[in-house]
Amino acid sequence: MQKFASFKSLQHKGYSISETIQSLWSGYGQIVRLKNANGETLIVKHINPPSSANHPRGWNTNASHQRKLESYQVELHWYTNYAQFCDNSCRIPQLISSESIDQEHLIILEDLNSSGFPKRKSSLQISEIKVVLNWLANFHATFLDHDGNGLWPIGTYWHLATRPEEWEAMEAGQLKKAATKIDHALNNCQFKTLVHGDAKLANFCFSNSGEKVAAVDFQYIGKGCGMKDVIYFLGSCLTDNECEKLAPELLDFYFQKLEDSLTNCNFLIDFTTLEKEWRQMYPIAWADFHRFLLGWMPTHQKLTRYSQRQVQLALQCI
């Protein structure tokens, strides 16, 4: 990081690295916390791609490498051009500064821990699930019908066009055969927003009370149906039986909050038509992610009975 002027400037202000929070996926850099003598902290995401890839699952392909490189450029573009549109209803860390030198990037952000979001959770109560769904609803309302210039044309990291190797690795079957139709249905829905693209539980930071939340990690943000984020989040925090039991209630809650947010911002839209379309997209979005997992890691724990039932529903309606 020493080559970056923005990092040197922080050092001159008395900031130094106090903690390495985590390494980036496949060794593409690190996230560190800076601290000064007054106890003030900042977060630095340092993207420094390796000379040779080392994917944890063995997907060391050029396509994988190029996807990661572009994902960090997209994230940088998101923070510098879009993040300011997020208010407290869809809280994210504020950008302090950013800098790029060739394929190396530095993103300096507000430390959410110091701003009232210090909790990371591995499991959630239903009330906390609704807190995140409320965040997603407000986020999707904020960016509904947005052009998303400079972001991914199709949000999420698992969509079909960006995962040809995983599709090839799938065993022959109905889902593999229908993958193109499923992808087409999602990409051509009437109502689109910006989707977070990696809305798993690990990317949400909670307040001490669990009543507020903020989101991080916008590498795969882009245009798409909001159900992509919803199914991915629910799959990251609910068991098979919990999905079966709670999904209807949680979907109702999400759509109510989405309608409330659109009403509050005076967005003129036929919400009944939007809700009908996105509810139809729910099993299709789930089937799309199921397709990715079958190719990427066919023994993955998220390949549940509930997920398979959503695949069957999707196959019946495409």
Protein backbone atom coordinates (compact mmCIF):
# COMPACT_ATOMS: atom_id res chain seq x y z
CA MET A 1 0.00 0.00 0.00
CA GLN A 2 2.99 2.28 0.39
CA LYS A 3 2.83 3.37 -3.27
CA PHE A 4 -0.62 4.95 -2.86
CA ALA A 5 -0.72 8.67 -2.14
CA SER A 6 -3.99 8.32 -0.22
CA PHE A 7 -2.45 5.77 2.14
CA LYS A 8 0.63 7.94 2.67
CA SER A 9 -1.66 10.86 3.47
CA LEU A 10 -3.39 8.81 6.16
CA GLN A 11 -0.03 7.82 7.60
CA HIS A 12 0.90 11.50 7.81
CA LYS A 13 -2.33 12.02 9.77
CA GLY A 14 -1.21 9.41 12.27
CA TYR A 15 -3.06 6.37 10.97
CA SER A 16 -1.38 2.98 11.00
CA ILE A 17 -2.55 -0.59 10.46
CA SER A 18 -4.01 -1.94 13.68
CA GLU A 19 -5.59 -5.14 12.42
CA THR A 20 -5.85 -7.35 9.36
CA ILE A 21 -9.55 -8.17 9.10
CA GLN A 22 -9.40 -10.72 6.30
CA SER A 23 -7.72 -11.77 3.09
CA LEU A 24 -9.68 -11.33 -0.11
CA TRP A 25 -10.96 -14.41 -1.96
CA SER A 26 -8.22 -16.39 -3.74
CA GLY A 27 -5.45 -14.15 -2.41
CA TYR A 28 -6.44 -10.99 -4.31
CA GLY A 29 -5.57 -8.63 -1.46
CA GLN A 30 -6.64 -7.84 2.06
CA ILE A 31 -8.91 -5.73 4.23
CA VAL A 32 -7.26 -3.92 7.13
CA ARG A 33 -8.32 -1.53 9.88
CA LEU A 34 -6.38 1.69 10.38
CA LYS A 35 -6.28 3.54 13.69
CA ASN A 36 -4.86 6.85 14.86
CA ALA A 37 -3.78 8.09 18.29
CA ASN A 38 -7.29 9.38 19.01
CA GLY A 39 -8.74 5.93 18.49
CA GLU A 40 -10.42 6.90 15.21
CA THR A 41 -10.56 4.05 12.71
CA LEU A 42 -10.94 3.52 8.97
CA ILE A 43 -11.18 0.45 6.76
CA VAL A 44 -8.86 -0.10 3.80
CA LYS A 45 -9.66 -2.62 1.09
CA HIS A 46 -6.41 -3.24 -0.77
CA ILE A 47 -6.86 -5.13 -4.04
CA ASN A 48 -3.55 -6.55 -5.22
CA PRO A 49 -4.11 -9.46 -7.66
CA PRO A 50 -1.62 -12.35 -7.42
CA SER A 51 0.65 -13.30 -10.29
CA SER A 52 -0.90 -16.78 -10.29
CA ALA A 53 -4.42 -17.71 -9.19
CA ASN A 54 -5.08 -20.02 -6.25
CA HIS A 55 -8.83 -20.63 -6.16
CA PRO A 56 -10.01 -22.51 -3.03
CA ARG A 57 -12.23 -24.76 -5.17
CA GLY A 58 -9.75 -25.25 -7.99
CA TRP A 59 -11.43 -22.96 -10.55
CA ASN A 60 -8.13 -21.41 -11.59
CA THR A 61 -9.21 -20.27 -15.06
CA ASN A 62 -8.56 -17.08 -16.97
CA ALA A 63 -12.30 -16.41 -16.97
CA SER A 64 -12.32 -16.61 -13.18
CA HIS A 65 -9.31 -14.28 -12.95
CA GLN A 66 -10.81 -11.71 -15.33
CA ARG A 67 -14.14 -11.82 -13.50
CA LYS A 68 -12.44 -10.99 -10.21
CA LEU A 69 -10.42 -8.16 -11.76
CA GLU A 70 -13.56 -6.62 -13.21
CA SER A 71 -15.46 -7.12 -9.96
CA TYR A 72 -13.07 -4.84 -8.09
CA GLN A 73 -13.29 -2.19 -10.80
CA VAL A 74 -17.09 -2.39 -10.55
CA GLU A 75 -16.94 -2.05 -6.76
CA LEU A 76 -14.71 1.00 -7.05
CA HIS A 77 -17.10 2.52 -9.60
CA TRP A 78 -20.03 1.77 -7.28
CA TYR A 79 -18.49 3.56 -4.32
CA THR A 80 -17.39 6.59 -6.33
CA ASN A 81 -20.59 7.06 -8.38
CA TYR A 82 -23.56 5.40 -6.68
CA ALA A 83 -22.99 4.93 -2.96
CA GLN A 84 -24.09 8.48 -2.14
CA PHE A 85 -27.67 7.57 -3.11
CA CYS A 86 -27.95 5.12 -0.20
CA ASP A 87 -29.53 6.67 2.90
CA ASN A 88 -29.99 5.22 6.38
CA SER A 89 -32.70 2.86 5.12
CA CYS A 90 -30.07 0.96 3.14
CA ARG A 91 -26.93 1.87 5.05
CA ILE A 92 -23.48 1.22 3.59
CA PRO A 93 -19.98 2.43 4.56
CA GLN A 94 -19.18 5.90 3.31
CA LEU A 95 -16.30 6.28 0.87
CA ILE A 96 -13.36 8.28 2.24
CA SER A 97 -11.11 8.04 -0.82
CA SER A 98 -9.99 5.65 -3.53
CA GLU A 99 -7.03 5.22 -5.84
CA SER A 100 -5.90 2.87 -8.60
CA ILE A 101 -2.48 2.02 -10.01
CA ASP A 102 -2.72 -0.43 -12.91
CA GLN A 103 -4.69 -3.44 -11.57
CA GLU A 104 -4.03 -2.54 -7.95
CA HIS A 105 -6.75 -0.61 -6.09
CA LEU A 106 -7.17 1.03 -2.71
CA ILE A 107 -10.64 1.74 -1.31
CA ILE A 108 -10.72 3.64 2.00
CA LEU A 109 -14.03 3.43 3.82
CA GLU A 110 -15.82 4.39 6.99
CA ASP A 111 -15.41 1.78 9.71
CA LEU A 112 -18.92 0.46 10.35
CA ASN A 113 -17.80 -0.96 13.70
CA SER A 114 -17.19 2.58 14.93
CA SER A 115 -20.44 3.83 13.42
CA GLY A 116 -22.77 1.56 15.35
CA PHE A 117 -22.64 -1.68 13.35
CA PRO A 118 -20.09 -3.86 15.18
CA LYS A 119 -21.90 -7.21 15.13
CA ARG A 120 -21.33 -10.04 12.62
CA LYS A 121 -23.77 -12.90 12.94
CA SER A 122 -23.68 -16.55 11.89
CA SER A 123 -27.39 -17.11 12.58
CA LEU A 124 -30.42 -14.86 12.84
CA GLN A 125 -33.70 -14.56 14.66
CA ILE A 126 -36.70 -13.98 12.42
CA SER A 127 -36.79 -10.33 13.53
CA GLU A 128 -33.19 -9.92 12.35
CA ILE A 129 -33.96 -11.60 9.02
CA LYS A 130 -36.65 -8.99 8.55
CA VAL A 131 -34.15 -6.23 9.30
CA VAL A 132 -32.04 -7.41 6.36
CA LEU A 133 -35.08 -7.88 4.11
CA ASN A 134 -36.07 -4.32 4.97
CA TRP A 135 -32.56 -3.20 3.90
CA LEU A 136 -32.91 -5.11 0.62
CA ALA A 137 -36.38 -3.70 -0.04
CA ASN A 138 -35.17 -0.13 0.48
CA PHE A 139 -32.07 -0.76 -1.61
CA HIS A 140 -34.11 -2.21 -4.47
CA ALA A 141 -36.59 0.66 -4.28
CA THR A 142 -33.77 3.21 -4.34
CA PHE A 143 -32.34 1.82 -7.55
CA LEU A 144 -35.47 0.54 -9.29
CA ASP A 145 -35.28 1.08 -13.06
CA HIS A 146 -31.74 2.47 -12.74
CA ASP A 147 -29.46 2.21 -15.78
CA GLY A 148 -26.51 0.92 -13.73
CA ASN A 149 -23.90 2.36 -16.08
CA GLY A 150 -20.42 1.17 -15.17
CA LEU A 151 -21.72 -1.70 -13.03
CA TRP A 152 -22.34 -5.30 -14.09
CA PRO A 153 -24.93 -5.45 -16.91
CA ILE A 154 -26.23 -8.52 -15.08
CA GLY A 155 -25.79 -8.47 -11.30
CA THR A 156 -24.65 -11.48 -9.17
CA TYR A 157 -21.56 -13.63 -9.54
CA TRP A 158 -23.36 -16.82 -10.59
CA HIS A 159 -25.42 -15.87 -13.65
CA LEU A 160 -25.07 -18.15 -16.65
CA ALA A 161 -23.01 -15.92 -18.95
CA THR A 162 -20.23 -15.60 -16.40
CA ARG A 163 -20.20 -19.32 -15.44
CA PRO A 164 -19.75 -21.41 -18.61
CA GLU A 165 -17.23 -23.78 -16.99
CA GLU A 166 -19.59 -24.57 -14.14
CA TRP A 167 -22.44 -25.21 -16.57
CA GLU A 168 -20.23 -27.60 -18.54
CA ALA A 169 -19.37 -29.42 -15.31
CA MET A 170 -23.02 -30.13 -14.51
CA GLU A 171 -24.39 -33.60 -15.04
CA ALA A 172 -26.91 -33.86 -17.85
CA GLY A 173 -30.49 -33.27 -16.77
CA GLN A 174 -33.55 -31.04 -16.91
CA LEU A 175 -31.98 -28.12 -15.10
CA LYS A 176 -28.88 -28.07 -17.29
CA LYS A 177 -31.06 -28.20 -20.38
CA ALA A 178 -33.29 -25.40 -19.09
CA ALA A 179 -30.45 -23.14 -17.88
CA THR A 180 -30.69 -20.78 -20.87
CA LYS A 181 -34.46 -20.38 -20.48
CA ILE A 182 -34.10 -19.68 -16.77
CA ASP A 183 -31.38 -17.13 -17.44
CA HIS A 184 -33.48 -15.49 -20.17
CA ALA A 185 -36.52 -15.22 -17.90
CA LEU A 186 -34.52 -13.47 -15.17
CA ASN A 187 -32.68 -11.15 -17.52
CA ASN A 188 -35.80 -10.11 -19.41
CA CYS A 189 -38.21 -9.42 -16.60
CA GLN A 190 -40.05 -6.11 -16.95
CA PHE A 191 -39.00 -4.65 -13.62
CA LYS A 192 -35.29 -4.43 -12.81
CA THR A 193 -33.29 -2.77 -10.10
CA LEU A 194 -29.69 -2.87 -8.93
CA VAL A 195 -29.03 -6.06 -7.00
CA HIS A 196 -26.29 -6.29 -4.39
CA GLY A 197 -25.18 -9.51 -6.07
CA ASP A 198 -23.64 -11.20 -3.02
CA ALA A 199 -26.25 -10.57 -0.33
CA LYS A 200 -25.21 -13.35 2.03
CA LEU A 201 -25.41 -13.08 5.80
CA ALA A 202 -21.65 -12.54 6.10
CA ASN A 203 -21.91 -9.26 4.16
CA PHE A 204 -24.27 -7.62 6.66
CA CYS A 205 -23.10 -5.74 9.76
CA PHE A 206 -25.56 -5.38 12.62
CA SER A 207 -26.05 -2.88 15.41
CA ASN A 208 -25.67 -4.16 18.97
CA SER A 209 -29.45 -4.39 19.29
CA GLY A 210 -29.82 -6.21 15.98
CA GLU A 211 -32.44 -3.67 14.92
CA LYS A 212 -30.28 -1.94 12.30
CA VAL A 213 -28.00 -3.25 9.58
CA ALA A 214 -25.51 -2.08 6.98
CA ALA A 215 -24.11 -3.95 3.98
CA VAL A 216 -20.62 -4.33 2.53
CA ASP A 217 -18.93 -5.98 -0.48
CA PHE A 218 -20.33 -4.61 -3.73
CA GLN A 219 -18.14 -6.49 -6.21
CA TYR A 220 -21.08 -8.05 -8.06
CA ILE A 221 -23.61 -5.25 -8.04
CA GLY A 222 -25.56 -4.82 -11.27
CA LYS A 223 -28.95 -4.85 -12.92
CA GLY A 224 -31.43 -7.61 -12.23
CA CYS A 225 -34.57 -8.86 -10.56
CA GLY A 226 -34.65 -8.16 -6.81
CA MET A 227 -35.51 -11.80 -6.13
CA LYS A 228 -31.89 -12.71 -6.83
CA ASP A 229 -30.81 -10.97 -3.63
CA VAL A 230 -33.79 -12.26 -1.64
CA ILE A 231 -33.33 -15.95 -2.43
CA TYR A 232 -29.56 -15.75 -1.95
CA PHE A 233 -29.93 -14.10 1.44
CA LEU A 234 -32.61 -16.50 2.65
CA GLY A 235 -30.51 -19.45 1.53
CA SER A 236 -27.57 -18.09 3.52
CA CYS A 237 -29.39 -17.91 6.85
CA LEU A 238 -32.26 -20.44 6.83
CA THR A 239 -32.23 -24.22 7.01
CA ASP A 240 -34.24 -26.35 4.65
CA ASN A 241 -37.14 -26.68 7.09
CA GLU A 242 -37.01 -22.99 8.00
CA CYS A 243 -37.27 -22.02 4.33
CA GLU A 244 -40.33 -24.21 3.97
CA LYS A 245 -41.95 -22.76 7.06
CA LEU A 246 -40.94 -19.11 6.96
CA ALA A 247 -40.46 -18.13 3.30
CA PRO A 248 -44.12 -17.13 2.64
CA GLU A 249 -44.19 -14.79 5.63
CA LEU A 250 -40.78 -13.34 4.81
CA LEU A 251 -41.69 -12.75 1.17
CA ASP A 252 -44.87 -10.95 2.24
CA PHE A 253 -42.78 -8.78 4.57
CA TYR A 254 -40.25 -7.95 1.83
CA PHE A 255 -42.93 -6.89 -0.64
CA GLN A 256 -44.71 -4.77 1.95
CA LYS A 257 -41.46 -2.92 2.72
CA LEU A 258 -40.70 -2.56 -0.98
CA GLU A 259 -44.12 -0.99 -1.57
CA ASP A 260 -43.70 1.28 1.47
CA SER A 261 -40.32 2.49 0.24
CA LEU A 262 -41.53 3.17 -3.30
CA THR A 263 -44.51 5.06 -1.90
CA ASN A 264 -42.30 7.14 0.40
CA CYS A 265 -40.08 8.21 -2.49
CA ASN A 266 -43.10 8.94 -4.72
CA PHE A 267 -42.04 6.40 -7.33
CA LEU A 268 -44.92 6.06 -9.79
CA ILE A 269 -45.25 2.38 -10.64
CA ASP A 270 -47.83 -0.35 -10.97
CA PHE A 271 -46.73 -2.16 -7.84
CA THR A 272 -49.29 -4.96 -8.21
CA THR A 273 -47.74 -5.89 -11.55
CA LEU A 274 -44.21 -5.67 -10.16
CA GLU A 275 -45.05 -7.90 -7.20
CA LYS A 276 -46.78 -10.45 -9.41
CA GLU A 277 -43.77 -10.65 -11.72
CA TRP A 278 -41.17 -10.87 -8.96
CA ARG A 279 -43.12 -13.51 -7.07
CA GLN A 280 -43.11 -15.54 -10.29
CA MET A 281 -39.36 -14.97 -10.48
CA TYR A 282 -38.78 -16.30 -6.94
CA PRO A 283 -38.48 -20.02 -7.85
CA ILE A 284 -36.73 -19.11 -11.11
CA ALA A 285 -34.07 -17.11 -9.26
CA TRP A 286 -33.65 -19.99 -6.81
CA ALA A 287 -33.29 -22.47 -9.68
CA ASP A 288 -30.66 -20.24 -11.27
CA PHE A 289 -28.49 -20.32 -8.15
CA HIS A 290 -29.11 -24.06 -7.73
CA ARG A 291 -27.81 -24.52 -11.30
CA PHE A 292 -24.60 -22.68 -10.43
CA LEU A 293 -24.00 -24.74 -7.29
CA LEU A 294 -24.51 -28.05 -9.11
CA GLY A 295 -21.65 -27.15 -11.43
CA TRP A 296 -19.42 -25.39 -8.92
CA MET A 297 -19.72 -27.72 -5.94
CA PRO A 298 -22.37 -30.46 -6.30
CA THR A 299 -21.99 -31.47 -2.65
CA HIS A 300 -22.76 -27.95 -1.36
CA GLN A 301 -24.97 -27.79 1.73
CA LYS A 302 -27.25 -25.23 0.08
CA LEU A 303 -28.47 -27.85 -2.41
CA THR A 304 -31.43 -28.61 -0.18
CA ARG A 305 -34.82 -30.25 -0.64
CA TYR A 306 -36.44 -26.82 -0.56
CA SER A 307 -34.08 -25.58 -3.25
CA GLN A 308 -34.86 -28.63 -5.39
CA ARG A 309 -38.59 -27.98 -4.98
CA GLN A 310 -38.06 -24.44 -6.26
CA VAL A 311 -36.21 -25.89 -9.26
CA GLN A 312 -39.22 -28.07 -10.07
CA LEU A 313 -41.56 -25.07 -9.79
CA ALA A 314 -39.28 -23.08 -12.08
CA LEU A 315 -39.15 -25.85 -14.66
CA GLN A 316 -42.95 -25.93 -14.73
CA CYS A 317 -43.34 -22.24 -15.49
CA ILE A 318 -40.57 -21.32 -17.94
